Amino acid sequence: MTEPSGYELNAWRDVELFKGRPISWSMHYAGEQVISGAANLSERAAQYLDDRPGARAVG
């Protein structure tokens, strides 16, 4: 296999250093927070229902 050219090495370095756009990171972080919040809410709701057996009978 041949050695990569200087252009190819520079391009590969740029790809490895690319961290994404700020808006992409913000949206990713916001999505992670929504997922975390939903999981926490689900755990709290399950605990609430476990502590109150009569609450499941309603509805």
C-alpha atoms as a PDB file:
ATOM      1  CA  MET A   1       0.000   0.000   0.000  1.00  0.00           C
ATOM      2  CA  THR A   2       1.296   3.474  -0.832  1.00  0.00           C
ATOM      3  CA  GLU A   3       1.949   6.178   1.719  1.00  0.00           C
ATOM      4  CA  PRO A   4      -0.784   8.827   2.022  1.00  0.00           C
ATOM      5  CA  SER A   5      -0.034  12.199   0.479  1.00  0.00           C
ATOM      6  CA  GLY A   6       0.343  15.375   2.502  1.00  0.00           C
ATOM      7  CA  TYR A   7      -3.116  16.420   1.341  1.00  0.00           C
ATOM      8  CA  GLU A   8      -4.622  13.145   2.560  1.00  0.00           C
ATOM      9  CA  LEU A   9      -2.848  13.393   5.910  1.00  0.00           C
ATOM     10  CA  ASN A  10      -4.096  16.961   6.396  1.00  0.00           C
ATOM     11  CA  ALA A  11      -7.626  15.977   5.424  1.00  0.00           C
ATOM     12  CA  TRP A  12      -7.586  13.029   7.838  1.00  0.00           C
ATOM     13  CA  ARG A  13      -6.290  15.262  10.643  1.00  0.00           C
ATOM     14  CA  ASP A  14      -9.091  17.756   9.955  1.00  0.00           C
ATOM     15  CA  VAL A  15     -11.678  14.972  10.089  1.00  0.00           C
ATOM     16  CA  GLU A  16     -10.327  13.729  13.427  1.00  0.00           C
ATOM     17  CA  LEU A  17     -10.249  17.242  14.916  1.00  0.00           C
ATOM     18  CA  PHE A  18     -13.769  18.180  13.788  1.00  0.00           C
ATOM     19  CA  LYS A  19     -15.975  18.497  16.856  1.00  0.00           C
ATOM     20  CA  GLY A  20     -19.254  19.272  15.122  1.00  0.00           C
ATOM     21  CA  ARG A  21     -21.187  22.469  14.915  1.00  0.00           C
ATOM     22  CA  PRO A  22     -22.157  24.256  18.146  1.00  0.00           C
ATOM     23  CA  ILE A  23     -25.869  23.921  17.362  1.00  0.00           C
ATOM     24  CA  SER A  24     -25.425  20.181  16.883  1.00  0.00           C
ATOM     25  CA  TRP A  25     -23.776  19.870  20.284  1.00  0.00           C
ATOM     26  CA  SER A  26     -26.497  22.014  21.874  1.00  0.00           C
ATOM     27  CA  MET A  27     -29.236  19.881  20.368  1.00  0.00           C
ATOM     28  CA  HIS A  28     -27.455  16.700  21.431  1.00  0.00           C
ATOM     29  CA  TYR A  29     -27.103  17.999  24.999  1.00  0.00           C
ATOM     30  CA  ALA A  30     -30.741  19.096  25.094  1.00  0.00           C
ATOM     31  CA  GLY A  31     -31.836  15.672  23.860  1.00  0.00           C
ATOM     32  CA  GLU A  32     -29.766  13.965  26.542  1.00  0.00           C
ATOM     33  CA  GLN A  33     -31.387  16.169  29.188  1.00  0.00           C
ATOM     34  CA  VAL A  34     -34.884  15.297  27.939  1.00  0.00           C
ATOM     35  CA  ILE A  35     -34.065  11.583  28.013  1.00  0.00           C
ATOM     36  CA  SER A  36     -32.603  11.865  31.508  1.00  0.00           C
ATOM     37  CA  GLY A  37     -35.603  13.832  32.746  1.00  0.00           C
ATOM     38  CA  ALA A  38     -38.073  11.357  31.251  1.00  0.00           C
ATOM     39  CA  ALA A  39     -36.253   8.424  32.847  1.00  0.00           C
ATOM     40  CA  ASN A  40     -36.240  10.201  36.209  1.00  0.00           C
ATOM     41  CA  LEU A  41     -39.946  11.003  35.894  1.00  0.00           C
ATOM     42  CA  SER A  42     -40.691   7.376  35.029  1.00  0.00           C
ATOM     43  CA  GLU A  43     -38.794   6.137  38.080  1.00  0.00           C
ATOM     44  CA  ARG A  44     -40.564   8.625  40.339  1.00  0.00           C
ATOM     45  CA  ALA A  45     -43.987   7.678  38.925  1.00  0.00           C
ATOM     46  CA  ALA A  46     -43.283   3.984  39.452  1.00  0.00           C
ATOM     47  CA  GLN A  47     -42.182   4.641  43.038  1.00  0.00           C
ATOM     48  CA  TYR A  48     -45.295   6.754  43.663  1.00  0.00           C
ATOM     49  CA  LEU A  49     -47.564   3.987  42.406  1.00  0.00           C
ATOM     50  CA  ASP A  50     -45.698   1.336  44.381  1.00  0.00           C
ATOM     51  CA  ASP A  51     -46.139   3.377  47.544  1.00  0.00           C
ATOM     52  CA  ARG A  52     -49.867   3.901  46.912  1.00  0.00           C
ATOM     53  CA  PRO A  53     -51.588   0.647  45.859  1.00  0.00           C
ATOM     54  CA  GLY A  54     -54.986   2.394  45.701  1.00  0.00           C
ATOM     55  CA  ALA A  55     -53.718   4.764  43.000  1.00  0.00           C
ATOM     56  CA  ARG A  56     -53.543   1.901  40.492  1.00  0.00           C
ATOM     57  CA  ALA A  57     -57.203   1.022  41.062  1.00  0.00           C
ATOM     58  CA  VAL A  58     -58.379   4.451  39.857  1.00  0.00           C
ATOM     59  CA  GLY A  59     -59.334   4.654  36.207  1.00  0.00           C
END
